[in-house]
Amino acid sequence: MLILVRHGRTAANAAGLLQGRTDNPLDRIGLLQAEAIAGAIGHVDRLISSPLKRALETAAAFGTDTDVDDRFAELDFGELESVAISEVAPEIWSEWQSSIDYRPPGGETIRELGVRVREALSELVEDAAGTDIVVISHVSPIKAGAAWALGAGDDVGWRTHLGQASISRIIMRNGVPMLLSFNETAHLDRID
């Protein structure tokens, strides 16, 4: 099984900022969320993480060796990095949501992100058929992973909500990924 985990909270998440490749650490709540994630998942056969600090700190809660794969890094928001979501112009949101080829100035397109995430996940299919592989990543790559499992286009990500520190699961049936769950958050119920 592939278990896709969105990292714990950062101060930028709490402030409603686009983080992208900005390398922020987890805040106090994020560290508690990381522990809750590790507790909810339990034993894993392999742990893979985005290279960004917030993902690596989430992975550290599992207490096992972690492989780093750059393809699971968050979307590069370019000049929109660290901008408050509420301050992004409506026309930019409109263009972004209508085309997976929209590129924030200096950033990356949803299509480019989808290509790298699908490639990385496809390499894990054989192993995931018989072992539990946890991938600690970010909202955009996990949405791309869900689209991959569903056989859908990357534009489906705009029609999904993925909460902070959530868990999503993909099983393999005859080499074909199937989305088992998306946006599990019950493990966070006891965190203030």
Protein backbone atom coordinates (compact mmCIF):
# COMPACT_ATOMS: atom_id res chain seq x y z
CA MET A 1 0.00 0.00 0.00
CA LEU A 2 1.07 3.57 -0.66
CA ILE A 3 0.26 5.84 2.27
CA LEU A 4 0.49 9.51 1.31
CA VAL A 5 0.88 11.89 4.24
CA ARG A 6 0.61 15.66 4.18
CA HIS A 7 3.20 17.13 6.56
CA GLY A 8 2.31 18.71 9.88
CA ARG A 9 1.48 22.38 10.29
CA THR A 10 3.97 25.24 9.99
CA ALA A 11 3.60 28.85 11.07
CA ALA A 12 3.12 29.71 7.38
CA ASN A 13 0.22 27.22 7.14
CA ALA A 14 -1.36 28.78 10.22
CA ALA A 15 -0.98 32.25 8.66
CA GLY A 16 -2.57 31.17 5.36
CA LEU A 17 0.54 31.64 3.23
CA LEU A 18 1.51 29.83 0.05
CA GLN A 19 4.61 27.91 1.12
CA GLY A 20 5.71 26.02 -1.96
CA ARG A 21 9.48 25.55 -1.81
CA THR A 22 9.96 27.90 1.17
CA ASP A 23 11.70 25.64 3.67
CA ASN A 24 9.77 26.20 6.89
CA PRO A 25 9.96 23.95 9.97
CA LEU A 26 6.93 22.52 11.76
CA ASP A 27 5.42 24.61 14.53
CA ARG A 28 4.43 23.17 17.92
CA ILE A 29 1.08 21.90 16.59
CA GLY A 30 2.83 20.43 13.55
CA LEU A 31 5.17 18.41 15.76
CA LEU A 32 2.18 17.03 17.67
CA GLN A 33 0.47 16.23 14.37
CA ALA A 34 3.57 14.37 13.17
CA GLU A 35 3.49 12.19 16.30
CA ALA A 36 -0.23 11.53 15.78
CA ILE A 37 0.37 10.54 12.15
CA ALA A 38 3.13 8.10 13.09
CA GLY A 39 0.95 6.63 15.82
CA ALA A 40 -2.03 6.21 13.49
CA ILE A 41 0.01 4.49 10.78
CA GLY A 42 2.31 2.37 12.94
CA HIS A 43 4.90 0.12 11.30
CA VAL A 44 6.04 0.97 7.78
CA ASP A 45 8.29 -1.01 5.48
CA ARG A 46 9.70 2.04 3.71
CA LEU A 47 9.54 5.77 4.40
CA ILE A 48 10.05 8.38 1.66
CA SER A 49 10.00 12.15 2.15
CA SER A 50 10.06 15.37 0.23
CA PRO A 51 13.38 17.16 0.83
CA LEU A 52 11.66 20.10 2.53
CA LYS A 53 12.18 20.55 6.28
CA ARG A 54 8.49 20.33 7.22
CA ALA A 55 8.19 16.94 5.51
CA LEU A 56 11.46 15.63 6.94
CA GLU A 57 10.41 16.66 10.46
CA THR A 58 7.12 14.83 9.96
CA ALA A 59 9.02 11.76 8.75
CA ALA A 60 11.30 11.91 11.81
CA ALA A 61 8.31 11.04 14.03
CA PHE A 62 8.36 7.52 12.59
CA GLY A 63 11.84 6.91 14.04
CA THR A 64 13.09 4.98 11.02
CA ASP A 65 15.37 5.59 8.06
CA THR A 66 13.97 7.97 5.47
CA ASP A 67 14.67 8.08 1.75
CA VAL A 68 14.45 11.55 0.21
CA ASP A 69 12.88 12.01 -3.22
CA ASP A 70 12.86 15.53 -4.68
CA ARG A 71 9.89 14.63 -6.89
CA PHE A 72 7.63 14.78 -3.83
CA ALA A 73 8.50 18.44 -3.09
CA GLU A 74 5.66 20.96 -3.11
CA LEU A 75 4.72 22.93 -6.22
CA ASP A 76 7.11 25.81 -6.86
CA PHE A 77 4.94 28.92 -6.49
CA GLY A 78 7.69 31.20 -7.84
CA GLU A 79 6.93 34.85 -7.04
CA LEU A 80 3.84 33.76 -5.10
CA GLU A 81 5.96 32.03 -2.44
CA SER A 82 5.04 33.28 1.06
CA VAL A 83 2.13 35.35 -0.29
CA ALA A 84 -1.10 35.14 1.71
CA ILE A 85 -3.66 33.04 -0.13
CA SER A 86 -6.19 35.84 0.44
CA GLU A 87 -3.89 38.30 -1.35
CA VAL A 88 -3.59 36.37 -4.60
CA ALA A 89 -5.56 38.28 -7.25
CA PRO A 90 -8.85 36.65 -8.31
CA GLU A 91 -7.79 36.70 -11.97
CA ILE A 92 -4.69 34.65 -11.07
CA TRP A 93 -6.81 32.07 -9.23
CA SER A 94 -9.17 31.94 -12.20
CA GLU A 95 -6.37 31.38 -14.70
CA TRP A 96 -4.64 28.85 -12.43
CA GLN A 97 -7.82 26.82 -11.93
CA SER A 98 -8.70 26.85 -15.62
CA SER A 99 -5.34 25.60 -16.92
CA ILE A 100 -2.88 23.05 -15.58
CA ASP A 101 -0.32 24.85 -17.74
CA TYR A 102 -0.58 28.14 -15.81
CA ARG A 103 2.86 29.03 -14.47
CA PRO A 104 3.18 31.48 -11.58
CA PRO A 105 6.03 33.85 -12.51
CA GLY A 106 9.24 31.92 -11.79
CA GLY A 107 7.29 28.84 -10.70
CA GLU A 108 6.05 25.48 -11.89
CA THR A 109 2.86 24.33 -13.62
CA ILE A 110 0.43 21.77 -12.22
CA ARG A 111 1.16 19.65 -15.30
CA GLU A 112 4.91 19.62 -14.52
CA LEU A 113 4.20 18.65 -10.92
CA GLY A 114 1.86 15.89 -12.10
CA VAL A 115 4.50 14.44 -14.41
CA ARG A 116 7.13 14.20 -11.69
CA VAL A 117 4.75 12.80 -9.05
CA ARG A 118 3.22 10.22 -11.42
CA GLU A 119 6.73 9.09 -12.40
CA ALA A 120 7.78 8.71 -8.76
CA LEU A 121 4.63 6.83 -7.76
CA SER A 122 4.77 4.56 -10.81
CA GLU A 123 8.22 3.41 -9.69
CA LEU A 124 6.72 2.29 -6.36
CA VAL A 125 3.81 0.23 -7.73
CA GLU A 126 5.53 -3.15 -7.64
CA ASP A 127 6.87 -2.74 -4.10
CA ALA A 128 3.61 -1.23 -2.83
CA ALA A 129 1.71 -4.36 -3.86
CA GLY A 130 3.25 -6.25 -0.95
CA THR A 131 4.65 -3.66 1.46
CA ASP A 132 3.54 -0.46 3.18
CA ILE A 133 5.32 2.57 1.79
CA VAL A 134 4.72 5.95 3.43
CA VAL A 135 5.39 9.09 1.39
CA ILE A 136 5.55 12.35 3.36
CA SER A 137 4.74 15.19 1.00
CA HIS A 138 2.58 18.27 0.46
CA VAL A 139 -0.90 19.20 -0.68
CA SER A 140 -0.25 19.52 -4.43
CA PRO A 141 1.78 16.30 -4.88
CA ILE A 142 -0.73 14.30 -2.83
CA LYS A 143 -3.61 15.62 -4.92
CA ALA A 144 -1.61 14.62 -8.01
CA GLY A 145 -1.15 11.17 -6.45
CA ALA A 146 -4.89 10.84 -5.90
CA ALA A 147 -5.53 11.87 -9.51
CA TRP A 148 -3.00 9.24 -10.64
CA ALA A 149 -4.76 6.54 -8.60
CA LEU A 150 -8.13 7.55 -10.03
CA GLY A 151 -6.85 7.69 -13.61
CA ALA A 152 -7.96 11.33 -13.68
CA GLY A 153 -6.30 14.47 -14.98
CA ASP A 154 -4.31 16.77 -12.74
CA ASP A 155 -7.09 19.39 -12.88
CA VAL A 156 -9.11 17.23 -10.45
CA GLY A 157 -6.91 18.60 -7.64
CA TRP A 158 -8.89 21.84 -7.70
CA ARG A 159 -12.01 19.80 -6.83
CA THR A 160 -10.53 18.21 -3.72
CA HIS A 161 -9.69 19.37 -0.23
CA LEU A 162 -6.70 17.94 1.61
CA GLY A 163 -6.37 18.87 5.26
CA GLN A 164 -3.19 19.51 7.18
CA ALA A 165 -1.44 16.35 8.44
CA SER A 166 -3.93 14.14 6.60
CA ILE A 167 -3.44 10.55 5.45
CA SER A 168 -4.50 9.12 2.09
CA ARG A 169 -4.13 5.48 1.04
CA ILE A 170 -3.63 3.85 -2.36
CA ILE A 171 -3.76 0.09 -2.78
CA MET A 172 -2.55 -1.93 -5.76
CA ARG A 173 -4.74 -4.44 -7.57
CA ASN A 174 -3.02 -6.32 -10.39
CA GLY A 175 -0.53 -3.49 -10.76
CA VAL A 176 -3.25 -0.84 -10.93
CA PRO A 177 -3.47 1.87 -8.23
CA MET A 178 -6.83 2.35 -6.50
CA LEU A 179 -7.64 5.19 -4.11
CA LEU A 180 -8.70 3.53 -0.86
CA SER A 181 -9.02 6.68 1.29
CA PHE A 182 -8.43 10.41 0.97
CA ASN A 183 -7.98 13.10 3.62
CA GLU A 184 -8.14 10.95 6.78
CA THR A 185 -7.87 13.28 9.79
CA ALA A 186 -9.44 11.38 12.74
CA HIS A 187 -5.95 10.89 14.23
CA LEU A 188 -5.83 14.66 14.83
CA ASP A 189 -8.96 14.86 16.98
CA ARG A 190 -7.06 15.21 20.27
CA ILE A 191 -4.72 17.96 19.11
CA ASP A 192 -5.69 21.55 19.99
